[in-house]
Amino acid sequence: MIAAALAAVQDRINEAARAAGRDPDSVALVAVSKTHPAEAVEEAVLAGQLVFGENRVQEAKAKFPDLKARFPQLELHLIGPLQTNKVREAVALFDVIESIDRPKLARAVADEMARIGRKPRLLIQVNTGREDQKAGCDPDHVDSLITVCRDQYHLEIEGLMCIPPAEADPAPHFRLLAEMAARNGLSVLSMGMSGDYPAAIRAGATHVRVGSAIFGHRDYA
C-alpha cells in the first residue's frame, strides 16, 4: 500500500515538474512520517524512499536511530518547531533542520554544531501568513536573520521553508518564499504538502513534504 502510494505521489510530482518546464529530478520528495511507526518508514525505504521528515525531536529519537543504523543512506529532516532545549538532540540526529526561525535558536545550533563537529544542513522557516500560533520568522525579518546566521554564527543557510495558512490560497505564499530565497542567493525551497505540492512545484519548490498521501491519515491519539 505504501509502495503504491509513493509511486502515485512521485508520478504526480514528475507530472507537475514537467508541466512547469522543470526537470522532475529537481524536486525531492520528503516523506513525512510523523505519528507513523518505524515499520511504515521501513516499508517506504524498501520501496525506494530515502528522505523523511519528522515534526518532533522526541518522536524521531525514538524511531530513527535504529532505522538509520540499518539504512545508512536514509536522510532525516526536522520540519517542526525546534526549542533550544532540544538542540543537542536535533543536531545529533537530523541531517537537515528546516526550522531555524530566530537568532537565539541559530546561535544554539551553531554552538552545538561546533561542540560535536556535526553539520546538519539548515533552512530558515518563514511564517508567510504571520500566524500567531505558527512558528517561523516574520517575512520582514528574514533578510536580517539570514545575515545574522551567516555573519555572526557562520552558519551556511541553504534555503527557506514555509507552511501557508490552511485556508488560504498557497500560491502567493510560495511566490513570496521564492522571491525571498532569490534575493538572498538561496537555492533550496521546502514548500508544498499533500494538498498543494503541485502548486509549490510550479512556484519553484525543490523539496515537497508529503505525509498523508503516502502513509494515510494520522492517529494523533
Protein backbone atom coordinates (compact mmCIF):
# COMPACT_ATOMS: atom_id res chain seq x y z
CA MET A 1 0.00 0.00 0.00
CA ILE A 2 2.75 2.48 0.93
CA ALA A 3 4.76 1.49 -2.14
CA ALA A 4 1.80 2.17 -4.40
CA ALA A 5 1.06 5.47 -2.71
CA LEU A 6 4.69 6.53 -3.04
CA ALA A 7 4.66 5.71 -6.72
CA ALA A 8 1.47 7.71 -7.24
CA VAL A 9 2.89 10.75 -5.43
CA GLN A 10 6.16 10.56 -7.36
CA ASP A 11 4.25 10.33 -10.64
CA ARG A 12 2.29 13.44 -9.72
CA ILE A 13 5.48 15.27 -8.77
CA ASN A 14 7.04 14.35 -12.10
CA GLU A 15 3.93 15.45 -13.98
CA ALA A 16 3.81 18.81 -12.15
CA ALA A 17 7.51 19.41 -12.78
CA ARG A 18 7.21 18.69 -16.50
CA ALA A 19 4.14 20.92 -16.74
CA ALA A 20 6.21 23.72 -15.20
CA GLY A 21 9.06 23.13 -17.65
CA ARG A 22 11.28 21.69 -14.94
CA ASP A 23 13.39 18.55 -14.65
CA PRO A 24 11.48 16.14 -12.35
CA ASP A 25 14.80 15.29 -10.70
CA SER A 26 14.99 18.89 -9.43
CA VAL A 27 12.18 18.17 -6.94
CA ALA A 28 12.91 15.95 -3.92
CA LEU A 29 10.14 14.18 -2.03
CA VAL A 30 10.32 14.37 1.77
CA ALA A 31 8.03 11.64 3.12
CA VAL A 32 6.53 12.95 6.36
CA SER A 33 6.35 10.02 8.76
CA LYS A 34 5.20 11.79 11.94
CA THR A 35 2.88 9.64 14.11
CA HIS A 36 3.54 6.62 11.88
CA PRO A 37 5.58 3.69 13.22
CA ALA A 38 9.07 2.65 12.23
CA GLU A 39 7.57 -0.28 10.34
CA ALA A 40 5.84 2.14 7.98
CA VAL A 41 9.09 4.02 7.41
CA GLU A 42 10.89 0.75 6.69
CA GLU A 43 8.21 -0.20 4.16
CA ALA A 44 8.77 3.13 2.41
CA VAL A 45 12.55 2.66 2.46
CA LEU A 46 12.20 -0.78 0.89
CA ALA A 47 10.06 0.84 -1.81
CA GLY A 48 12.94 3.22 -2.58
CA GLN A 49 12.15 6.31 -0.47
CA LEU A 50 15.18 7.60 1.43
CA VAL A 51 14.24 11.12 2.59
CA PHE A 52 11.90 11.52 5.57
CA GLY A 53 10.54 14.35 7.67
CA GLU A 54 9.59 14.42 11.34
CA ASN A 55 7.97 17.20 13.37
CA ARG A 56 9.11 16.32 16.88
CA VAL A 57 12.60 15.60 18.11
CA GLN A 58 11.48 13.10 20.74
CA GLU A 59 9.38 11.05 18.33
CA ALA A 60 12.21 10.96 15.82
CA LYS A 61 14.71 10.00 18.51
CA ALA A 62 12.55 7.01 19.46
CA LYS A 63 12.06 5.89 15.86
CA PHE A 64 15.04 6.72 13.65
CA PRO A 65 18.39 5.76 15.26
CA ASP A 66 17.80 2.08 14.55
CA LEU A 67 16.47 2.84 11.07
CA LYS A 68 19.50 4.99 10.25
CA ALA A 69 21.81 2.26 11.54
CA ARG A 70 20.19 -0.27 9.19
CA PHE A 71 19.76 2.14 6.27
CA PRO A 72 22.78 4.50 6.37
CA GLN A 73 21.68 6.32 3.21
CA LEU A 74 18.48 7.50 4.91
CA GLU A 75 18.16 11.30 5.22
CA LEU A 76 16.12 12.80 8.06
CA HIS A 77 14.65 16.32 8.08
CA LEU A 78 13.30 18.17 11.10
CA ILE A 79 10.28 20.06 9.77
CA GLY A 80 8.64 21.04 13.07
CA PRO A 81 9.46 23.80 15.56
CA LEU A 82 12.72 23.42 17.45
CA GLN A 83 13.08 24.54 21.04
CA THR A 84 16.53 25.47 22.27
CA ASN A 85 16.44 22.73 24.92
CA LYS A 86 16.17 20.13 22.12
CA VAL A 87 19.02 21.49 20.01
CA ARG A 88 21.60 18.97 21.25
CA GLU A 89 19.43 16.01 20.29
CA ALA A 90 18.37 17.59 16.99
CA VAL A 91 21.89 18.35 15.80
CA ALA A 92 22.97 14.81 16.66
CA LEU A 93 20.09 13.09 14.85
CA PHE A 94 18.82 15.14 11.91
CA ASP A 95 20.58 15.60 8.59
CA VAL A 96 18.57 18.71 7.74
CA ILE A 97 16.97 21.19 10.16
CA GLU A 98 14.32 23.18 8.29
CA SER A 99 13.00 25.26 11.19
CA ILE A 100 15.60 27.88 12.14
CA ASP A 101 13.46 30.95 12.87
CA ARG A 102 15.22 33.25 15.39
CA PRO A 103 18.73 34.38 16.31
CA LYS A 104 18.71 32.65 19.71
CA LEU A 105 18.00 29.29 18.05
CA ALA A 106 20.59 29.91 15.35
CA ARG A 107 23.23 30.59 17.99
CA ALA A 108 22.33 27.45 19.95
CA VAL A 109 22.54 25.34 16.77
CA ALA A 110 25.88 26.91 15.81
CA ASP A 111 27.30 26.25 19.28
CA GLU A 112 26.19 22.62 19.25
CA MET A 113 27.49 22.01 15.75
CA ALA A 114 30.87 23.33 16.83
CA ARG A 115 30.79 21.25 20.01
CA ILE A 116 30.18 17.88 18.36
CA GLY A 117 31.59 18.55 14.90
CA ARG A 118 28.42 17.64 13.05
CA LYS A 119 26.88 19.91 10.41
CA PRO A 120 23.25 19.25 9.52
CA ARG A 121 22.07 21.36 6.58
CA LEU A 122 19.95 24.34 7.61
CA LEU A 123 16.85 26.12 6.34
CA ILE A 124 15.02 29.10 7.77
CA GLN A 125 11.30 28.67 8.37
CA VAL A 126 9.25 31.68 7.32
CA ASN A 127 5.80 32.40 8.75
CA THR A 128 4.49 33.75 5.46
CA GLY A 129 0.97 34.16 6.84
CA ARG A 130 2.14 35.88 10.01
CA GLU A 131 0.02 33.45 12.05
CA ASP A 132 0.39 33.89 15.81
CA GLN A 133 0.07 30.16 16.53
CA LYS A 134 2.67 29.11 13.99
CA ALA A 135 6.45 29.03 14.23
CA GLY A 136 8.60 30.81 11.70
CA CYS A 137 10.39 34.06 11.10
CA ASP A 138 8.31 37.09 10.12
CA PRO A 139 8.82 37.82 6.40
CA ASP A 140 10.06 41.32 7.25
CA HIS A 141 12.89 39.86 9.35
CA VAL A 142 14.09 37.09 7.04
CA ASP A 143 16.90 39.05 5.39
CA SER A 144 18.31 40.19 8.72
CA LEU A 145 18.10 36.66 10.19
CA ILE A 146 20.00 35.27 7.20
CA THR A 147 22.66 37.95 7.70
CA VAL A 148 22.96 37.14 11.42
CA CYS A 149 23.27 33.41 10.67
CA ARG A 150 25.95 33.98 8.07
CA ASP A 151 27.99 36.79 9.61
CA GLN A 152 27.69 36.24 13.36
CA TYR A 153 27.25 32.48 13.67
CA HIS A 154 28.96 31.37 10.43
CA LEU A 155 26.06 29.11 9.52
CA GLU A 156 25.51 28.02 5.92
CA ILE A 157 21.81 28.58 5.30
CA GLU A 158 20.75 26.56 2.24
CA GLY A 159 17.20 27.76 1.81
CA LEU A 160 13.78 28.58 3.16
CA MET A 161 10.73 26.64 4.30
CA CYS A 162 7.10 27.68 4.78
CA ILE A 163 3.68 26.31 5.72
CA PRO A 164 0.97 28.58 4.26
CA PRO A 165 -2.23 29.23 6.24
CA ALA A 166 -4.54 26.25 5.97
CA GLU A 167 -7.49 28.09 4.42
CA ALA A 168 -5.51 30.42 2.16
CA ASP A 169 -4.54 30.13 -1.48
CA PRO A 170 -0.98 28.81 -1.09
CA ALA A 171 0.34 30.19 -4.38
CA PRO A 172 1.08 33.74 -3.14
CA HIS A 173 2.90 32.31 -0.14
CA PHE A 174 5.02 30.08 -2.37
CA ARG A 175 5.85 33.02 -4.64
CA LEU A 176 6.82 35.13 -1.63
CA LEU A 177 9.17 32.42 -0.35
CA ALA A 178 10.75 32.05 -3.79
CA GLU A 179 11.33 35.82 -4.01
CA MET A 180 12.98 35.92 -0.58
CA ALA A 181 15.23 32.98 -1.46
CA ALA A 182 16.25 34.50 -4.78
CA ARG A 183 17.30 37.86 -3.35
CA ASN A 184 19.40 36.10 -0.71
CA GLY A 185 21.06 33.69 -3.10
CA LEU A 186 19.44 30.60 -1.59
CA SER A 187 18.83 27.53 -3.74
CA VAL A 188 16.55 25.36 -1.58
CA LEU A 189 12.79 25.90 -1.26
CA SER A 190 10.93 23.47 1.00
CA MET A 191 7.25 24.14 0.36
CA GLY A 192 4.15 22.20 -0.53
CA MET A 193 2.38 19.39 1.30
CA SER A 194 -0.12 16.67 0.39
CA GLY A 195 -2.85 19.10 -0.65
CA ASP A 196 -0.83 21.68 -2.56
CA TYR A 197 2.52 20.36 -3.70
CA PRO A 198 1.80 20.72 -7.46
CA ALA A 199 1.31 24.48 -6.90
CA ALA A 200 4.55 24.58 -4.92
CA ILE A 201 6.41 22.88 -7.75
CA ARG A 202 5.09 25.47 -10.19
CA ALA A 203 6.49 28.15 -7.89
CA GLY A 204 9.95 26.55 -7.74
CA ALA A 205 9.89 24.11 -4.82
CA THR A 206 12.99 21.94 -4.58
CA HIS A 207 11.52 19.85 -1.74
CA VAL A 208 7.89 18.91 -1.14
CA ARG A 209 6.77 17.45 2.19
CA VAL A 210 4.09 14.79 1.74
CA GLY A 211 2.73 12.63 4.53
CA SER A 212 -0.92 11.58 4.48
CA ALA A 213 -0.91 10.89 0.73
CA ILE A 214 1.80 8.28 1.39
CA PHE A 215 1.19 6.90 4.87
CA GLY A 216 -2.55 7.56 5.26
CA HIS A 217 -4.34 9.57 7.92
CA ARG A 218 -2.56 10.17 11.20
CA ASP A 219 -3.78 8.96 14.56
CA TYR A 220 -2.85 11.75 16.98
CA ALA A 221 -4.26 9.83 19.94
